[in-house]
Amino acid sequence: MRVLDIIDKVGLVAALTVPLWNVPLIVRIYRRKSSQDISLCWVLGVWVSFVLMFPSGLRSQDIVWKLFNIVNLIFFSFVALFVVIYRIKEKH
């Protein structure tokens, strides 16, 4: 195993922090109790794309790509879940 160089370390930090930008979106949906301003088609399209990329991320030897795929799928799954839940609630 090679020692991570500075580029890989910066990449790892970015791989962890980029998906965290989903947290404010989740909080906004939760506080407003609405997801009407977010396209359901867009959310599900992006989520399906992340799911389809996930096996590639898991098989990759690149730790940055692997970590990004795992963390991004987890956080965006919460976005998709919140959008779908509030969309269902808004119909009732």
PDB file of N, CA and C in Angstrom:
ATOM      1  N   MET A   1       0.850  -1.189   0.000  1.00  0.00           N
ATOM      2  CA  MET A   1       0.000   0.000   0.000  1.00  0.00           C
ATOM      3  C   MET A   1       0.886   1.238   0.000  1.00  0.00           C
ATOM      4  N   ARG A   2       0.593   2.148  -0.873  1.00  0.00           N
ATOM      5  CA  ARG A   2       1.409   3.358  -0.959  1.00  0.00           C
ATOM      6  C   ARG A   2       0.889   4.432  -0.007  1.00  0.00           C
ATOM      7  N   VAL A   3       1.774   5.274   0.394  1.00  0.00           N
ATOM      8  CA  VAL A   3       1.407   6.398   1.251  1.00  0.00           C
ATOM      9  C   VAL A   3       0.666   7.419   0.394  1.00  0.00           C
ATOM     10  N   LEU A   4      -0.406   7.963   0.944  1.00  0.00           N
ATOM     11  CA  LEU A   4      -1.178   8.942   0.198  1.00  0.00           C
ATOM     12  C   LEU A   4      -0.375  10.225   0.024  1.00  0.00           C
ATOM     13  N   ASP A   5      -0.322  10.697  -1.217  1.00  0.00           N
ATOM     14  CA  ASP A   5       0.347  11.976  -1.436  1.00  0.00           C
ATOM     15  C   ASP A   5      -0.657  13.112  -1.209  1.00  0.00           C
ATOM     16  N   ILE A   6      -0.195  14.330  -1.301  1.00  0.00           N
ATOM     17  CA  ILE A   6      -1.029  15.501  -0.994  1.00  0.00           C
ATOM     18  C   ILE A   6      -2.248  15.581  -1.906  1.00  0.00           C
ATOM     19  N   ILE A   7      -2.097  15.214  -3.167  1.00  0.00           N
ATOM     20  CA  ILE A   7      -3.230  15.264  -4.096  1.00  0.00           C
ATOM     21  C   ILE A   7      -4.308  14.277  -3.656  1.00  0.00           C
ATOM     22  N   ASP A   8      -3.896  13.076  -3.259  1.00  0.00           N
ATOM     23  CA  ASP A   8      -4.873  12.098  -2.785  1.00  0.00           C
ATOM     24  C   ASP A   8      -5.529  12.547  -1.486  1.00  0.00           C
ATOM     25  N   LYS A   9      -4.767  13.178  -0.617  1.00  0.00           N
ATOM     26  CA  LYS A   9      -5.342  13.667   0.644  1.00  0.00           C
ATOM     27  C   LYS A   9      -6.380  14.752   0.387  1.00  0.00           C
ATOM     28  N   VAL A  10      -6.069  15.674  -0.510  1.00  0.00           N
ATOM     29  CA  VAL A  10      -7.030  16.720  -0.862  1.00  0.00           C
ATOM     30  C   VAL A  10      -8.267  16.084  -1.502  1.00  0.00           C
ATOM     31  N   GLY A  11      -8.043  15.108  -2.368  1.00  0.00           N
ATOM     32  CA  GLY A  11      -9.157  14.399  -2.993  1.00  0.00           C
ATOM     33  C   GLY A  11     -10.033  13.685  -1.984  1.00  0.00           C
ATOM     34  N   LEU A  12      -9.410  13.074  -0.977  1.00  0.00           N
ATOM     35  CA  LEU A  12     -10.186  12.399   0.070  1.00  0.00           C
ATOM     36  C   LEU A  12     -11.042  13.387   0.852  1.00  0.00           C
ATOM     37  N   VAL A  13     -10.471  14.519   1.171  1.00  0.00           N
ATOM     38  CA  VAL A  13     -11.236  15.546   1.891  1.00  0.00           C
ATOM     39  C   VAL A  13     -12.420  16.006   1.039  1.00  0.00           C
ATOM     40  N   ALA A  14     -12.174  16.241  -0.238  1.00  0.00           N
ATOM     41  CA  ALA A  14     -13.257  16.660  -1.138  1.00  0.00           C
ATOM     42  C   ALA A  14     -14.305  15.563  -1.284  1.00  0.00           C
ATOM     43  N   ALA A  15     -13.863  14.312  -1.390  1.00  0.00           N
ATOM     44  CA  ALA A  15     -14.798  13.193  -1.523  1.00  0.00           C
ATOM     45  C   ALA A  15     -15.722  13.088  -0.320  1.00  0.00           C
ATOM     46  N   LEU A  16     -15.223  13.472   0.835  1.00  0.00           N
ATOM     47  CA  LEU A  16     -16.049  13.458   2.042  1.00  0.00           C
ATOM     48  C   LEU A  16     -16.923  14.694   2.178  1.00  0.00           C
ATOM     49  N   THR A  17     -16.430  15.846   1.747  1.00  0.00           N
ATOM     50  CA  THR A  17     -17.164  17.088   1.981  1.00  0.00           C
ATOM     51  C   THR A  17     -18.192  17.416   0.907  1.00  0.00           C
ATOM     52  N   VAL A  18     -17.932  17.067  -0.332  1.00  0.00           N
ATOM     53  CA  VAL A  18     -18.896  17.393  -1.404  1.00  0.00           C
ATOM     54  C   VAL A  18     -20.278  16.811  -1.098  1.00  0.00           C
ATOM     55  N   PRO A  19     -20.384  15.539  -0.731  1.00  0.00           N
ATOM     56  CA  PRO A  19     -21.722  15.017  -0.424  1.00  0.00           C
ATOM     57  C   PRO A  19     -22.386  15.670   0.785  1.00  0.00           C
ATOM     58  N   LEU A  20     -21.598  16.294   1.654  1.00  0.00           N
ATOM     59  CA  LEU A  20     -22.192  16.958   2.819  1.00  0.00           C
ATOM     60  C   LEU A  20     -23.042  18.160   2.428  1.00  0.00           C
ATOM     61  N   TRP A  21     -22.876  18.656   1.196  1.00  0.00           N
ATOM     62  CA  TRP A  21     -23.710  19.757   0.731  1.00  0.00           C
ATOM     63  C   TRP A  21     -25.168  19.325   0.576  1.00  0.00           C
ATOM     64  N   ASN A  22     -25.429  18.027   0.657  1.00  0.00           N
ATOM     65  CA  ASN A  22     -26.808  17.548   0.643  1.00  0.00           C
ATOM     66  C   ASN A  22     -27.510  17.805   1.971  1.00  0.00           C
ATOM     67  N   VAL A  23     -26.756  17.950   3.045  1.00  0.00           N
ATOM     68  CA  VAL A  23     -27.350  18.132   4.372  1.00  0.00           C
ATOM     69  C   VAL A  23     -28.223  19.398   4.438  1.00  0.00           C
ATOM     70  N   PRO A  24     -27.763  20.562   3.974  1.00  0.00           N
ATOM     71  CA  PRO A  24     -28.652  21.737   4.022  1.00  0.00           C
ATOM     72  C   PRO A  24     -29.949  21.538   3.227  1.00  0.00           C
ATOM     73  N   LEU A  25     -29.868  20.797   2.141  1.00  0.00           N
ATOM     74  CA  LEU A  25     -31.078  20.522   1.356  1.00  0.00           C
ATOM     75  C   LEU A  25     -32.042  19.648   2.148  1.00  0.00           C
ATOM     76  N   ILE A  26     -31.529  18.629   2.801  1.00  0.00           N
ATOM     77  CA  ILE A  26     -32.360  17.757   3.636  1.00  0.00           C
ATOM     78  C   ILE A  26     -32.995  18.564   4.765  1.00  0.00           C
ATOM     79  N   VAL A  27     -32.200  19.398   5.417  1.00  0.00           N
ATOM     80  CA  VAL A  27     -32.707  20.223   6.520  1.00  0.00           C
ATOM     81  C   VAL A  27     -33.786  21.175   6.023  1.00  0.00           C
ATOM     82  N   ARG A  28     -33.572  21.788   4.865  1.00  0.00           N
ATOM     83  CA  ARG A  28     -34.573  22.712   4.316  1.00  0.00           C
ATOM     84  C   ARG A  28     -35.892  22.005   4.032  1.00  0.00           C
ATOM     85  N   ILE A  29     -35.822  20.825   3.443  1.00  0.00           N
ATOM     86  CA  ILE A  29     -37.038  20.062   3.177  1.00  0.00           C
ATOM     87  C   ILE A  29     -37.740  19.733   4.492  1.00  0.00           C
ATOM     88  N   TYR A  30     -36.974  19.286   5.472  1.00  0.00           N
ATOM     89  CA  TYR A  30     -37.545  18.906   6.766  1.00  0.00           C
ATOM     90  C   TYR A  30     -38.198  20.110   7.462  1.00  0.00           C
ATOM     91  N   ARG A  31     -37.525  21.240   7.487  1.00  0.00           N
ATOM     92  CA  ARG A  31     -38.058  22.427   8.178  1.00  0.00           C
ATOM     93  C   ARG A  31     -39.316  22.956   7.501  1.00  0.00           C
ATOM     94  N   ARG A  32     -39.301  22.953   6.165  1.00  0.00           N
ATOM     95  CA  ARG A  32     -40.454  23.471   5.431  1.00  0.00           C
ATOM     96  C   ARG A  32     -41.571  22.457   5.309  1.00  0.00           C
ATOM     97  N   LYS A  33     -41.241  21.194   5.573  1.00  0.00           N
ATOM     98  CA  LYS A  33     -42.201  20.100   5.423  1.00  0.00           C
ATOM     99  C   LYS A  33     -42.749  20.058   4.004  1.00  0.00           C
ATOM    100  N   SER A  34     -41.874  20.388   3.052  1.00  0.00           N
ATOM    101  CA  SER A  34     -42.276  20.405   1.648  1.00  0.00           C
ATOM    102  C   SER A  34     -41.076  20.135   0.755  1.00  0.00           C
ATOM    103  N   SER A  35     -41.343  19.441  -0.347  1.00  0.00           N
ATOM    104  CA  SER A  35     -40.310  19.205  -1.354  1.00  0.00           C
ATOM    105  C   SER A  35     -40.796  19.647  -2.730  1.00  0.00           C
ATOM    106  N   GLN A  36     -41.806  20.503  -2.747  1.00  0.00           N
ATOM    107  CA  GLN A  36     -42.406  20.919  -4.009  1.00  0.00           C
ATOM    108  C   GLN A  36     -41.454  21.677  -4.930  1.00  0.00           C
ATOM    109  N   ASP A  37     -40.442  22.338  -4.375  1.00  0.00           N
ATOM    110  CA  ASP A  37     -39.522  23.105  -5.206  1.00  0.00           C
ATOM    111  C   ASP A  37     -38.420  22.235  -5.819  1.00  0.00           C
ATOM    112  N   ILE A  38     -38.468  20.934  -5.565  1.00  0.00           N
ATOM    113  CA  ILE A  38     -37.463  20.021  -6.105  1.00  0.00           C
ATOM    114  C   ILE A  38     -38.161  19.040  -7.035  1.00  0.00           C
ATOM    115  N   SER A  39     -37.654  18.929  -8.231  1.00  0.00           N
ATOM    116  CA  SER A  39     -38.248  18.045  -9.223  1.00  0.00           C
ATOM    117  C   SER A  39     -38.065  16.586  -8.818  1.00  0.00           C
ATOM    118  N   LEU A  40     -39.172  15.874  -8.708  1.00  0.00           N
ATOM    119  CA  LEU A  40     -39.119  14.457  -8.380  1.00  0.00           C
ATOM    120  C   LEU A  40     -38.391  13.677  -9.473  1.00  0.00           C
ATOM    121  N   CYS A  41     -38.622  14.038 -10.707  1.00  0.00           N
ATOM    122  CA  CYS A  41     -37.947  13.394 -11.839  1.00  0.00           C
ATOM    123  C   CYS A  41     -36.436  13.597 -11.743  1.00  0.00           C
ATOM    124  N   TRP A  42     -36.006  14.809 -11.426  1.00  0.00           N
ATOM    125  CA  TRP A  42     -34.576  15.095 -11.304  1.00  0.00           C
ATOM    126  C   TRP A  42     -33.956  14.292 -10.169  1.00  0.00           C
ATOM    127  N   VAL A  43     -34.601  14.313  -9.004  1.00  0.00           N
ATOM    128  CA  VAL A  43     -34.062  13.605  -7.841  1.00  0.00           C
ATOM    129  C   VAL A  43     -33.920  12.114  -8.131  1.00  0.00           C
ATOM    130  N   LEU A  44     -34.957  11.515  -8.680  1.00  0.00           N
ATOM    131  CA  LEU A  44     -34.893  10.082  -8.948  1.00  0.00           C
ATOM    132  C   LEU A  44     -33.902   9.762 -10.069  1.00  0.00           C
ATOM    133  N   GLY A  45     -33.800  10.641 -11.060  1.00  0.00           N
ATOM    134  CA  GLY A  45     -32.819  10.445 -12.134  1.00  0.00           C
ATOM    135  C   GLY A  45     -31.390  10.500 -11.616  1.00  0.00           C
ATOM    136  N   VAL A  46     -31.104  11.463 -10.772  1.00  0.00           N
ATOM    137  CA  VAL A  46     -29.764  11.585 -10.184  1.00  0.00           C
ATOM    138  C   VAL A  46     -29.481  10.390  -9.282  1.00  0.00           C
ATOM    139  N   TRP A  47     -30.467  10.002  -8.462  1.00  0.00           N
ATOM    140  CA  TRP A  47     -30.269   8.887  -7.543  1.00  0.00           C
ATOM    141  C   TRP A  47     -30.017   7.578  -8.303  1.00  0.00           C
ATOM    142  N   VAL A  48     -30.779   7.336  -9.355  1.00  0.00           N
ATOM    143  CA  VAL A  48     -30.559   6.126 -10.162  1.00  0.00           C
ATOM    144  C   VAL A  48     -29.165   6.165 -10.791  1.00  0.00           C
ATOM    145  N   SER A  49     -28.732   7.314 -11.238  1.00  0.00           N
ATOM    146  CA  SER A  49     -27.381   7.436 -11.796  1.00  0.00           C
ATOM    147  C   SER A  49     -26.325   7.091 -10.756  1.00  0.00           C
ATOM    148  N   PHE A  50     -26.501   7.581  -9.531  1.00  0.00           N
ATOM    149  CA  PHE A  50     -25.552   7.261  -8.459  1.00  0.00           C
ATOM    150  C   PHE A  50     -25.563   5.768  -8.134  1.00  0.00           C
ATOM    151  N   VAL A  51     -26.739   5.174  -8.136  1.00  0.00           N
ATOM    152  CA  VAL A  51     -26.842   3.732  -7.873  1.00  0.00           C
ATOM    153  C   VAL A  51     -26.120   2.947  -8.960  1.00  0.00           C
ATOM    154  N   LEU A  52     -26.268   3.365 -10.208  1.00  0.00           N
ATOM    155  CA  LEU A  52     -25.608   2.671 -11.313  1.00  0.00           C
ATOM    156  C   LEU A  52     -24.087   2.857 -11.296  1.00  0.00           C
ATOM    157  N   MET A  53     -23.607   3.986 -10.773  1.00  0.00           N
ATOM    158  CA  MET A  53     -22.162   4.214 -10.658  1.00  0.00           C
ATOM    159  C   MET A  53     -21.552   3.495  -9.456  1.00  0.00           C
ATOM    160  N   PHE A  54     -22.374   3.162  -8.481  1.00  0.00           N
ATOM    161  CA  PHE A  54     -21.894   2.607  -7.224  1.00  0.00           C
ATOM    162  C   PHE A  54     -21.023   1.351  -7.380  1.00  0.00           C
ATOM    163  N   PRO A  55     -21.418   0.369  -8.199  1.00  0.00           N
ATOM    164  CA  PRO A  55     -20.544  -0.810  -8.347  1.00  0.00           C
ATOM    165  C   PRO A  55     -19.156  -0.466  -8.879  1.00  0.00           C
ATOM    166  N   SER A  56     -19.082   0.490  -9.780  1.00  0.00           N
ATOM    167  CA  SER A  56     -17.784   0.929 -10.290  1.00  0.00           C
ATOM    168  C   SER A  56     -16.944   1.516  -9.169  1.00  0.00           C
ATOM    169  N   GLY A  57     -17.574   2.293  -8.320  1.00  0.00           N
ATOM    170  CA  GLY A  57     -16.859   2.885  -7.192  1.00  0.00           C
ATOM    171  C   GLY A  57     -16.348   1.840  -6.223  1.00  0.00           C
ATOM    172  N   LEU A  58     -17.151   0.830  -5.985  1.00  0.00           N
ATOM    173  CA  LEU A  58     -16.725  -0.222  -5.056  1.00  0.00           C
ATOM    174  C   LEU A  58     -15.577  -1.056  -5.610  1.00  0.00           C
ATOM    175  N   ARG A  59     -15.563  -1.265  -6.905  1.00  0.00           N
ATOM    176  CA  ARG A  59     -14.521  -2.095  -7.527  1.00  0.00           C
ATOM    177  C   ARG A  59     -13.229  -1.331  -7.779  1.00  0.00           C
ATOM    178  N   SER A  60     -13.311  -0.027  -7.762  1.00  0.00           N
ATOM    179  CA  SER A  60     -12.154   0.795  -8.089  1.00  0.00           C
ATOM    180  C   SER A  60     -11.042   0.664  -7.048  1.00  0.00           C
ATOM    181  N   GLN A  61      -9.825   0.729  -7.517  1.00  0.00           N
ATOM    182  CA  GLN A  61      -8.670   0.769  -6.622  1.00  0.00           C
ATOM    183  C   GLN A  61      -8.417   2.192  -6.118  1.00  0.00           C
ATOM    184  N   ASP A  62      -9.048   3.175  -6.762  1.00  0.00           N
ATOM    185  CA  ASP A  62      -8.883   4.582  -6.392  1.00  0.00           C
ATOM    186  C   ASP A  62      -9.716   4.876  -5.147  1.00  0.00           C
ATOM    187  N   ILE A  63      -9.066   5.123  -4.041  1.00  0.00           N
ATOM    188  CA  ILE A  63      -9.751   5.329  -2.770  1.00  0.00           C
ATOM    189  C   ILE A  63     -10.632   6.579  -2.798  1.00  0.00           C
ATOM    190  N   VAL A  64     -10.228   7.603  -3.537  1.00  0.00           N
ATOM    191  CA  VAL A  64     -11.031   8.829  -3.622  1.00  0.00           C
ATOM    192  C   VAL A  64     -12.354   8.537  -4.316  1.00  0.00           C
ATOM    193  N   TRP A  65     -12.310   7.860  -5.441  1.00  0.00           N
ATOM    194  CA  TRP A  65     -13.521   7.516  -6.194  1.00  0.00           C
ATOM    195  C   TRP A  65     -14.413   6.594  -5.359  1.00  0.00           C
ATOM    196  N   LYS A  66     -13.799   5.620  -4.707  1.00  0.00           N
ATOM    197  CA  LYS A  66     -14.545   4.669  -3.879  1.00  0.00           C
ATOM    198  C   LYS A  66     -15.258   5.396  -2.736  1.00  0.00           C
ATOM    199  N   LEU A  67     -14.523   6.229  -2.014  1.00  0.00           N
ATOM    200  CA  LEU A  67     -15.095   6.954  -0.889  1.00  0.00           C
ATOM    201  C   LEU A  67     -16.196   7.905  -1.342  1.00  0.00           C
ATOM    202  N   PHE A  68     -15.947   8.628  -2.428  1.00  0.00           N
ATOM    203  CA  PHE A  68     -16.957   9.550  -2.937  1.00  0.00           C
ATOM    204  C   PHE A  68     -18.244   8.810  -3.276  1.00  0.00           C
ATOM    205  N   ASN A  69     -18.134   7.687  -3.957  1.00  0.00           N
ATOM    206  CA  ASN A  69     -19.323   6.923  -4.332  1.00  0.00           C
ATOM    207  C   ASN A  69     -20.109   6.464  -3.111  1.00  0.00           C
ATOM    208  N   ILE A  70     -19.424   5.969  -2.110  1.00  0.00           N
ATOM    209  CA  ILE A  70     -20.102   5.476  -0.910  1.00  0.00           C
ATOM    210  C   ILE A  70     -20.803   6.614  -0.175  1.00  0.00           C
ATOM    211  N   VAL A  71     -20.059   7.667   0.120  1.00  0.00           N
ATOM    212  CA  VAL A  71     -20.618   8.784   0.898  1.00  0.00           C
ATOM    213  C   VAL A  71     -21.701   9.512   0.103  1.00  0.00           C
ATOM    214  N   ASN A  72     -21.480   9.719  -1.177  1.00  0.00           N
ATOM    215  CA  ASN A  72     -22.452  10.422  -1.999  1.00  0.00           C
ATOM    216  C   ASN A  72     -23.758   9.637  -2.124  1.00  0.00           C
ATOM    217  N   LEU A  73     -23.656   8.332  -2.315  1.00  0.00           N
ATOM    218  CA  LEU A  73     -24.874   7.531  -2.419  1.00  0.00           C
ATOM    219  C   LEU A  73     -25.660   7.571  -1.105  1.00  0.00           C
ATOM    220  N   ILE A  74     -24.967   7.496   0.002  1.00  0.00           N
ATOM    221  CA  ILE A  74     -25.650   7.541   1.298  1.00  0.00           C
ATOM    222  C   ILE A  74     -26.390   8.868   1.474  1.00  0.00           C
ATOM    223  N   PHE A  75     -25.684   9.987   1.293  1.00  0.00           N
ATOM    224  CA  PHE A  75     -26.316  11.285   1.532  1.00  0.00           C
ATOM    225  C   PHE A  75     -27.390  11.612   0.501  1.00  0.00           C
ATOM    226  N   PHE A  76     -27.152  11.284  -0.785  1.00  0.00           N
ATOM    227  CA  PHE A  76     -28.185  11.601  -1.770  1.00  0.00           C
ATOM    228  C   PHE A  76     -29.378  10.676  -1.631  1.00  0.00           C
ATOM    229  N   SER A  77     -29.170   9.486  -1.082  1.00  0.00           N
ATOM    230  CA  SER A  77     -30.313   8.605  -0.802  1.00  0.00           C
ATOM    231  C   SER A  77     -31.239   9.253   0.214  1.00  0.00           C
ATOM    232  N   PHE A  78     -30.655   9.948   1.197  1.00  0.00           N
ATOM    233  CA  PHE A  78     -31.484  10.673   2.163  1.00  0.00           C
ATOM    234  C   PHE A  78     -32.251  11.809   1.484  1.00  0.00           C
ATOM    235  N   VAL A  79     -31.601  12.518   0.569  1.00  0.00           N
ATOM    236  CA  VAL A  79     -32.302  13.568  -0.185  1.00  0.00           C
ATOM    237  C   VAL A  79     -33.489  12.960  -0.919  1.00  0.00           C
ATOM    238  N   ALA A  80     -33.239  11.893  -1.669  1.00  0.00           N
ATOM    239  CA  ALA A  80     -34.306  11.260  -2.440  1.00  0.00           C
ATOM    240  C   ALA A  80     -35.418  10.765  -1.518  1.00  0.00           C
ATOM    241  N   LEU A  81     -35.049  10.161  -0.405  1.00  0.00           N
ATOM    242  CA  LEU A  81     -36.041   9.658   0.545  1.00  0.00           C
ATOM    243  C   LEU A  81     -36.908  10.789   1.082  1.00  0.00           C
ATOM    244  N   PHE A  82     -36.275  11.892   1.495  1.00  0.00           N
ATOM    245  CA  PHE A  82     -37.039  13.022   2.025  1.00  0.00           C
ATOM    246  C   PHE A  82     -37.951  13.623   0.957  1.00  0.00           C
ATOM    247  N   VAL A  83     -37.459  13.743  -0.267  1.00  0.00           N
ATOM    248  CA  VAL A  83     -38.294  14.290  -1.336  1.00  0.00           C
ATOM    249  C   VAL A  83     -39.504  13.393  -1.566  1.00  0.00           C
ATOM    250  N   VAL A  84     -39.289  12.107  -1.651  1.00  0.00           N
ATOM    251  CA  VAL A  84     -40.398  11.171  -1.893  1.00  0.00           C
ATOM    252  C   VAL A  84     -41.373  11.165  -0.718  1.00  0.00           C
ATOM    253  N   ILE A  85     -40.869  11.116   0.509  1.00  0.00           N
ATOM    254  CA  ILE A  85     -41.753  11.108   1.687  1.00  0.00           C
ATOM    255  C   ILE A  85     -42.620  12.355   1.717  1.00  0.00           C
ATOM    256  N   TYR A  86     -42.013  13.521   1.522  1.00  0.00           N
ATOM    257  CA  TYR A  86     -42.798  14.748   1.581  1.00  0.00           C
ATOM    258  C   TYR A  86     -43.716  14.889   0.382  1.00  0.00           C
ATOM    259  N   ARG A  87     -43.350  14.341  -0.760  1.00  0.00           N
ATOM    260  CA  ARG A  87     -44.246  14.358  -1.904  1.00  0.00           C
ATOM    261  C   ARG A  87     -45.494  13.525  -1.599  1.00  0.00           C
ATOM    262  N   ILE A  88     -45.311  12.358  -0.960  1.00  0.00           N
ATOM    263  CA  ILE A  88     -46.437  11.511  -0.590  1.00  0.00           C
ATOM    264  C   ILE A  88     -47.309  12.220   0.433  1.00  0.00           C
ATOM    265  N   LYS A  89     -46.687  12.837   1.444  1.00  0.00           N
ATOM    266  CA  LYS A  89     -47.447  13.561   2.473  1.00  0.00           C
ATOM    267  C   LYS A  89     -48.229  14.726   1.868  1.00  0.00           C
ATOM    268  N   GLU A  90     -47.634  15.407   0.886  1.00  0.00           N
ATOM    269  CA  GLU A  90     -48.269  16.570   0.284  1.00  0.00           C
ATOM    270  C   GLU A  90     -49.493  16.186  -0.546  1.00  0.00           C
ATOM    271  N   LYS A  91     -49.556  14.947  -0.994  1.00  0.00           N
ATOM    272  CA  LYS A  91     -50.713  14.495  -1.778  1.00  0.00           C
ATOM    273  C   LYS A  91     -51.899  14.155  -0.900  1.00  0.00           C
ATOM    274  N   HIS A  92     -51.669  13.949   0.395  1.00  0.00           N
ATOM    275  CA  HIS A  92     -52.762  13.581   1.287  1.00  0.00           C
ATOM    276  C   HIS A  92     -53.299  14.757   2.025  1.00  0.00           C
TER     277      HIS A  92
END
